[in-house]
Amino acid sequence: MLGRFVVPAARLTELGRAASAHFPDPDSGGLAPGRPEPAHPRGPWRLSALVGADQARDAALIEAFNDAHAGRAVVDAVELKAADSRQVDEALAALPAGITAFVEVSLDENLVGLLAALKQRGARAKLRTGGVVPEAIPEPADVARFIAACAAAGVPFKATAGLHHPVRAEQALTYEAASPRALMHGFLNVFAAAVFARAGASEAELEAVLREQDGASFGLDETGLRWRRLRAATAAVLEARRDFASSFGSCSFAEPVADLRALGVLAGREAAFSEGTR
């Protein structure tokens, strides 16, 4: 279910040392050394690297890692930040060829221009939906505006931070005993809003989907997705997941899976996302 493990580019060398023994061997049908079963039945480990301020250095580290572990592990996506179209051009120009880039954008007046630049360069957008303090969580109206703008621009996106649970609810923001609490976005809300955005839903409707706190208001079955009066056929859901709302990132793997099973969206080991919970 995990699409990609996310790691800072600056720690790729460290990851290679720590995990090399577990990478599959391309000459043994995907088996890691000494393992009787495939370590990853779909081929090499797929990674997303976080690119920092020194983009040239990080690009070199990515190329070195991919060369060193060819066929066994690959950085095929990167995540970085850009404040304007000039920074988008500079950052993407420094990257190795063939890598999917997710550019974190801010929800301000530059959003439409940034999305246009990403579209022109074939890059994708990244939305930060939370953090360890309540102020880091964007309002549902702002997230709705982002999703609607991405749909209008034809720019795929991923969401990250704070998406431990499928449905919007008040949660602790960290695992500390005295952690602050706040209403956190749900990844099911975000994905549903993305599906409906592609189908032409208004920003007001998207905001209502993002504000939903009743998990029973969402439905997924063989016919598709529903939220209250909105409906999307299975084909539309698959298309949106493949071409638009590609993934979400969470520092917790167990919580999203457990909550989806509690909602009845996942049944034991029988179901998985097309792109995973990266």
Protein backbone atom coordinates (compact mmCIF):
# COMPACT_ATOMS: atom_id res chain seq x y z
CA MET A 1 0.00 0.00 0.00
CA LEU A 2 2.96 2.33 0.41
CA GLY A 3 3.58 4.10 -2.88
CA ARG A 4 6.93 5.68 -2.03
CA PHE A 5 9.07 6.11 1.05
CA VAL A 6 9.89 9.80 1.46
CA VAL A 7 13.46 10.69 2.45
CA PRO A 8 15.54 13.90 2.39
CA ALA A 9 17.98 13.84 -0.51
CA ALA A 10 20.73 14.70 1.98
CA ARG A 11 20.15 11.31 3.70
CA LEU A 12 20.06 9.10 0.61
CA THR A 13 23.60 7.84 1.19
CA GLU A 14 22.67 6.93 4.76
CA LEU A 15 19.52 5.15 3.55
CA GLY A 16 21.54 3.20 1.02
CA ARG A 17 23.85 1.92 3.75
CA ALA A 18 21.00 1.04 6.11
CA ALA A 19 18.61 -0.57 3.63
CA SER A 20 20.80 -2.03 0.89
CA ALA A 21 20.50 -5.56 2.27
CA HIS A 22 16.74 -5.34 1.89
CA PHE A 23 16.60 -3.99 -1.66
CA PRO A 24 15.42 -6.64 -4.15
CA ASP A 25 17.93 -8.29 -6.45
CA PRO A 26 16.93 -7.66 -10.09
CA ASP A 27 18.62 -10.94 -11.09
CA SER A 28 16.55 -13.10 -8.70
CA GLY A 29 12.99 -12.18 -9.58
CA GLY A 30 12.75 -9.33 -7.10
CA LEU A 31 14.10 -11.29 -4.12
CA ALA A 32 16.24 -9.61 -1.51
CA PRO A 33 19.34 -11.65 -0.59
CA GLY A 34 18.36 -14.52 1.73
CA ARG A 35 14.62 -13.88 1.44
CA PRO A 36 12.28 -16.65 0.21
CA GLU A 37 9.59 -14.18 -0.92
CA PRO A 38 9.71 -10.99 -3.02
CA ALA A 39 10.76 -7.98 -0.97
CA HIS A 40 8.74 -5.81 -3.35
CA PRO A 41 6.78 -7.68 -6.02
CA ARG A 42 6.55 -4.59 -8.24
CA GLY A 43 10.28 -4.19 -8.67
CA PRO A 44 12.77 -1.83 -7.04
CA TRP A 45 12.00 0.23 -3.97
CA ARG A 46 10.50 3.53 -5.11
CA LEU A 47 11.50 6.67 -3.24
CA SER A 48 10.58 10.33 -3.18
CA ALA A 49 13.43 12.66 -2.23
CA LEU A 50 12.97 15.98 -0.45
CA VAL A 51 15.10 18.58 -2.23
CA GLY A 52 16.47 21.44 -0.11
CA ALA A 53 17.97 24.83 -0.83
CA ASP A 54 21.10 23.38 -2.46
CA GLN A 55 19.33 21.91 -5.45
CA ALA A 56 22.43 21.11 -7.48
CA ARG A 57 23.94 19.13 -4.60
CA ASP A 58 20.71 17.22 -4.00
CA ALA A 59 20.33 16.46 -7.70
CA ALA A 60 23.84 14.99 -7.69
CA LEU A 61 23.01 12.88 -4.62
CA ILE A 62 19.88 11.55 -6.34
CA GLU A 63 21.80 10.60 -9.48
CA ALA A 64 24.53 8.93 -7.41
CA PHE A 65 21.97 6.94 -5.41
CA ASN A 66 20.12 5.79 -8.52
CA ASP A 67 23.38 4.75 -10.18
CA ALA A 68 24.58 2.88 -7.10
CA HIS A 69 21.34 0.93 -6.63
CA ALA A 70 20.15 0.55 -10.23
CA GLY A 71 17.39 -2.05 -10.52
CA ARG A 72 17.07 -2.32 -6.73
CA ALA A 73 15.98 1.14 -5.54
CA VAL A 74 15.15 4.31 -7.42
CA VAL A 75 14.32 7.92 -6.62
CA ASP A 76 11.66 8.57 -9.25
CA ALA A 77 9.97 11.53 -7.56
CA VAL A 78 11.14 14.64 -5.73
CA GLU A 79 9.45 17.22 -3.54
CA LEU A 80 10.59 20.83 -3.27
CA LYS A 81 9.37 24.36 -2.59
CA ALA A 82 9.02 27.38 -4.86
CA ALA A 83 7.62 30.83 -4.20
CA ASP A 84 7.26 32.02 -7.81
CA SER A 85 7.57 30.88 -11.42
CA ARG A 86 11.24 31.83 -11.57
CA GLN A 87 12.04 29.53 -8.66
CA VAL A 88 9.98 26.79 -10.31
CA ASP A 89 12.09 27.06 -13.48
CA GLU A 90 15.39 27.13 -11.58
CA ALA A 91 14.49 24.19 -9.35
CA LEU A 92 13.18 21.94 -12.09
CA ALA A 93 16.10 22.73 -14.40
CA ALA A 94 18.50 21.31 -11.79
CA LEU A 95 16.74 17.94 -11.53
CA PRO A 96 17.77 14.73 -13.27
CA ALA A 97 15.66 13.87 -16.31
CA GLY A 98 12.66 11.59 -15.96
CA ILE A 99 11.81 12.40 -12.35
CA THR A 100 8.32 13.46 -11.31
CA ALA A 101 8.49 16.73 -9.36
CA PHE A 102 6.00 17.86 -6.73
CA VAL A 103 6.36 21.56 -5.92
CA GLU A 104 4.96 22.81 -2.63
CA VAL A 105 2.99 25.99 -3.20
CA SER A 106 1.51 28.52 -0.80
CA LEU A 107 -2.18 29.36 -0.74
CA ASP A 108 -1.78 33.02 -1.62
CA GLU A 109 -2.31 35.34 -4.54
CA ASN A 110 0.51 33.66 -6.49
CA LEU A 111 -1.28 30.31 -6.63
CA VAL A 112 -2.74 30.59 -10.14
CA GLY A 113 0.56 31.80 -11.62
CA LEU A 114 2.51 29.04 -9.91
CA LEU A 115 0.12 26.39 -11.17
CA ALA A 116 0.48 27.76 -14.70
CA ALA A 117 4.26 27.44 -14.39
CA LEU A 118 3.96 23.87 -13.11
CA LYS A 119 1.66 22.97 -15.98
CA GLN A 120 4.12 24.37 -18.49
CA ARG A 121 6.99 22.36 -16.98
CA GLY A 122 5.01 19.13 -16.50
CA ALA A 123 5.39 19.29 -12.71
CA ARG A 124 2.82 18.63 -10.00
CA ALA A 125 1.65 20.64 -7.00
CA LYS A 126 2.05 19.79 -3.35
CA LEU A 127 -0.30 21.06 -0.65
CA ARG A 128 0.63 21.15 3.04
CA THR A 129 -2.54 20.38 4.97
CA GLY A 130 -1.32 20.42 8.56
CA GLY A 131 1.50 20.60 11.08
CA VAL A 132 2.28 20.32 14.77
CA VAL A 133 0.49 23.56 15.71
CA PRO A 134 -3.12 24.55 14.92
CA GLU A 135 -1.99 27.58 12.89
CA ALA A 136 -0.33 25.24 10.37
CA ILE A 137 -3.68 23.77 9.30
CA PRO A 138 -5.21 25.64 6.35
CA GLU A 139 -8.90 26.47 6.36
CA PRO A 140 -11.20 24.19 4.32
CA ALA A 141 -12.06 27.15 2.08
CA ASP A 142 -8.38 27.56 1.18
CA VAL A 143 -7.96 23.85 0.48
CA ALA A 144 -11.10 23.93 -1.68
CA ARG A 145 -9.67 26.87 -3.60
CA PHE A 146 -6.40 25.00 -4.15
CA ILE A 147 -8.13 21.84 -5.41
CA ALA A 148 -10.42 23.84 -7.69
CA ALA A 149 -7.46 25.81 -9.07
CA CYS A 150 -5.49 22.60 -9.74
CA ALA A 151 -8.50 21.11 -11.53
CA ALA A 152 -8.92 24.24 -13.64
CA ALA A 153 -5.20 24.32 -14.50
CA GLY A 154 -4.96 20.59 -15.19
CA VAL A 155 -2.19 20.16 -12.59
CA PRO A 156 -2.08 16.94 -10.53
CA PHE A 157 -1.31 17.28 -6.82
CA LYS A 158 -0.42 15.48 -3.63
CA ALA A 159 -1.28 16.50 -0.08
CA THR A 160 0.92 16.07 2.95
CA ALA A 161 1.16 16.69 6.71
CA GLY A 162 -1.60 16.08 9.19
CA LEU A 163 -3.44 13.49 7.13
CA HIS A 164 -3.33 10.60 9.59
CA HIS A 165 -7.08 9.97 9.51
CA PRO A 166 -9.56 9.54 6.68
CA VAL A 167 -12.28 11.88 7.97
CA ARG A 168 -11.99 15.40 9.38
CA ALA A 169 -12.03 15.35 13.19
CA GLU A 170 -10.42 16.89 16.24
CA GLN A 171 -7.16 15.06 16.90
CA ALA A 172 -3.92 15.45 18.83
CA LEU A 173 -1.34 17.12 16.57
CA THR A 174 1.62 15.12 17.92
CA TYR A 175 2.15 11.94 19.91
CA GLU A 176 3.21 13.86 23.00
CA ALA A 177 1.02 13.50 26.10
CA ALA A 178 0.32 17.25 26.27
CA SER A 179 -0.08 17.72 22.52
CA PRO A 180 -2.33 20.54 21.31
CA ARG A 181 -5.50 19.42 19.58
CA ALA A 182 -7.26 20.82 16.52
CA LEU A 183 -9.58 19.91 13.69
CA MET A 184 -7.44 18.01 11.21
CA HIS A 185 -8.23 17.46 7.55
CA GLY A 186 -9.18 13.94 6.50
CA PHE A 187 -7.53 12.34 3.50
CA LEU A 188 -10.84 10.80 2.42
CA ASN A 189 -12.32 14.31 2.44
CA VAL A 190 -9.43 15.57 0.31
CA PHE A 191 -9.61 12.74 -2.22
CA ALA A 192 -13.41 12.99 -2.46
CA ALA A 193 -13.19 16.74 -3.02
CA ALA A 194 -10.63 16.13 -5.78
CA VAL A 195 -12.90 13.63 -7.52
CA PHE A 196 -15.85 15.99 -7.38
CA ALA A 197 -13.71 18.94 -8.50
CA ARG A 198 -12.84 17.04 -11.68
CA ALA A 199 -16.57 16.51 -12.18
CA GLY A 200 -17.26 20.25 -12.00
CA ALA A 201 -18.34 20.75 -8.38
CA SER A 202 -18.24 24.34 -7.13
CA GLU A 203 -15.75 25.62 -4.55
CA ALA A 204 -18.61 25.87 -2.05
CA GLU A 205 -19.42 22.19 -2.60
CA LEU A 206 -15.76 21.23 -2.27
CA GLU A 207 -15.51 23.19 0.98
CA ALA A 208 -18.57 21.34 2.31
CA VAL A 209 -16.94 18.00 1.44
CA LEU A 210 -13.75 19.05 3.22
CA ARG A 211 -15.70 20.12 6.33
CA GLU A 212 -17.58 16.82 6.61
CA GLN A 213 -16.98 15.05 9.94
CA ASP A 214 -19.43 12.18 9.57
CA GLY A 215 -17.73 9.20 7.98
CA ALA A 216 -21.11 7.65 7.20
CA SER A 217 -21.75 10.48 4.74
CA PHE A 218 -19.13 8.98 2.42
CA GLY A 219 -19.79 5.81 0.52
CA LEU A 220 -17.58 3.65 -1.69
CA ASP A 221 -18.98 0.61 -3.46
CA GLU A 222 -18.91 -1.09 -6.86
CA THR A 223 -20.79 1.85 -8.41
CA GLY A 224 -18.36 4.55 -7.27
CA LEU A 225 -18.11 7.30 -4.67
CA ARG A 226 -20.88 9.23 -2.97
CA TRP A 227 -21.00 12.11 -0.53
CA ARG A 228 -24.50 13.18 0.44
CA ARG A 229 -26.07 14.28 -2.87
CA LEU A 230 -22.85 14.21 -4.92
CA ARG A 231 -21.97 11.09 -6.91
CA ALA A 232 -19.01 9.97 -9.03
CA ALA A 233 -18.83 6.73 -10.98
CA THR A 234 -16.00 4.27 -10.43
CA ALA A 235 -14.36 5.26 -13.71
CA ALA A 236 -14.26 8.91 -12.59
CA VAL A 237 -12.71 7.92 -9.25
CA LEU A 238 -10.03 5.84 -10.97
CA GLU A 239 -9.29 8.64 -13.42
CA ALA A 240 -8.98 11.23 -10.65
CA ARG A 241 -6.63 9.00 -8.64
CA ARG A 242 -4.50 8.26 -11.69
CA ASP A 243 -4.35 11.71 -13.24
CA PHE A 244 -5.18 14.27 -10.55
CA ALA A 245 -5.10 13.47 -6.81
CA SER A 246 -2.11 11.17 -6.97
CA SER A 247 -1.26 10.58 -3.32
CA PHE A 248 -1.07 11.79 0.24
CA GLY A 249 1.80 11.74 2.69
CA SER A 250 1.58 10.76 6.33
CA CYS A 251 4.24 10.05 8.95
CA SER A 252 1.91 7.31 10.26
CA PHE A 253 1.21 4.19 8.24
CA ALA A 254 -0.83 2.19 10.79
CA GLU A 255 -3.40 4.89 11.61
CA PRO A 256 -4.73 5.46 8.08
CA VAL A 257 -5.04 1.72 7.47
CA ALA A 258 -6.77 1.02 10.80
CA ASP A 259 -9.22 3.88 10.32
CA LEU A 260 -10.11 2.80 6.78
CA ARG A 261 -10.82 -0.70 8.03
CA ALA A 262 -13.00 0.72 10.80
CA LEU A 263 -14.97 2.65 8.16
CA GLY A 264 -15.35 -0.48 6.05
CA VAL A 265 -13.43 1.03 3.14
CA LEU A 266 -10.69 -1.59 3.46
CA ALA A 267 -11.48 -5.24 4.17
CA GLY A 268 -8.54 -7.09 5.69
CA ARG A 269 -5.76 -7.70 3.17
CA GLU A 270 -8.03 -7.76 0.14
CA ALA A 271 -7.98 -4.08 -0.83
CA ALA A 272 -5.29 -1.54 -1.63
CA PHE A 273 -5.01 1.87 -3.24
CA SER A 274 -3.91 2.14 -6.82
CA GLU A 275 -1.10 4.54 -5.84
CA GLY A 276 -0.77 3.72 -2.15
CA THR A 277 -0.71 5.88 0.95
CA ARG A 278 2.58 7.60 0.26
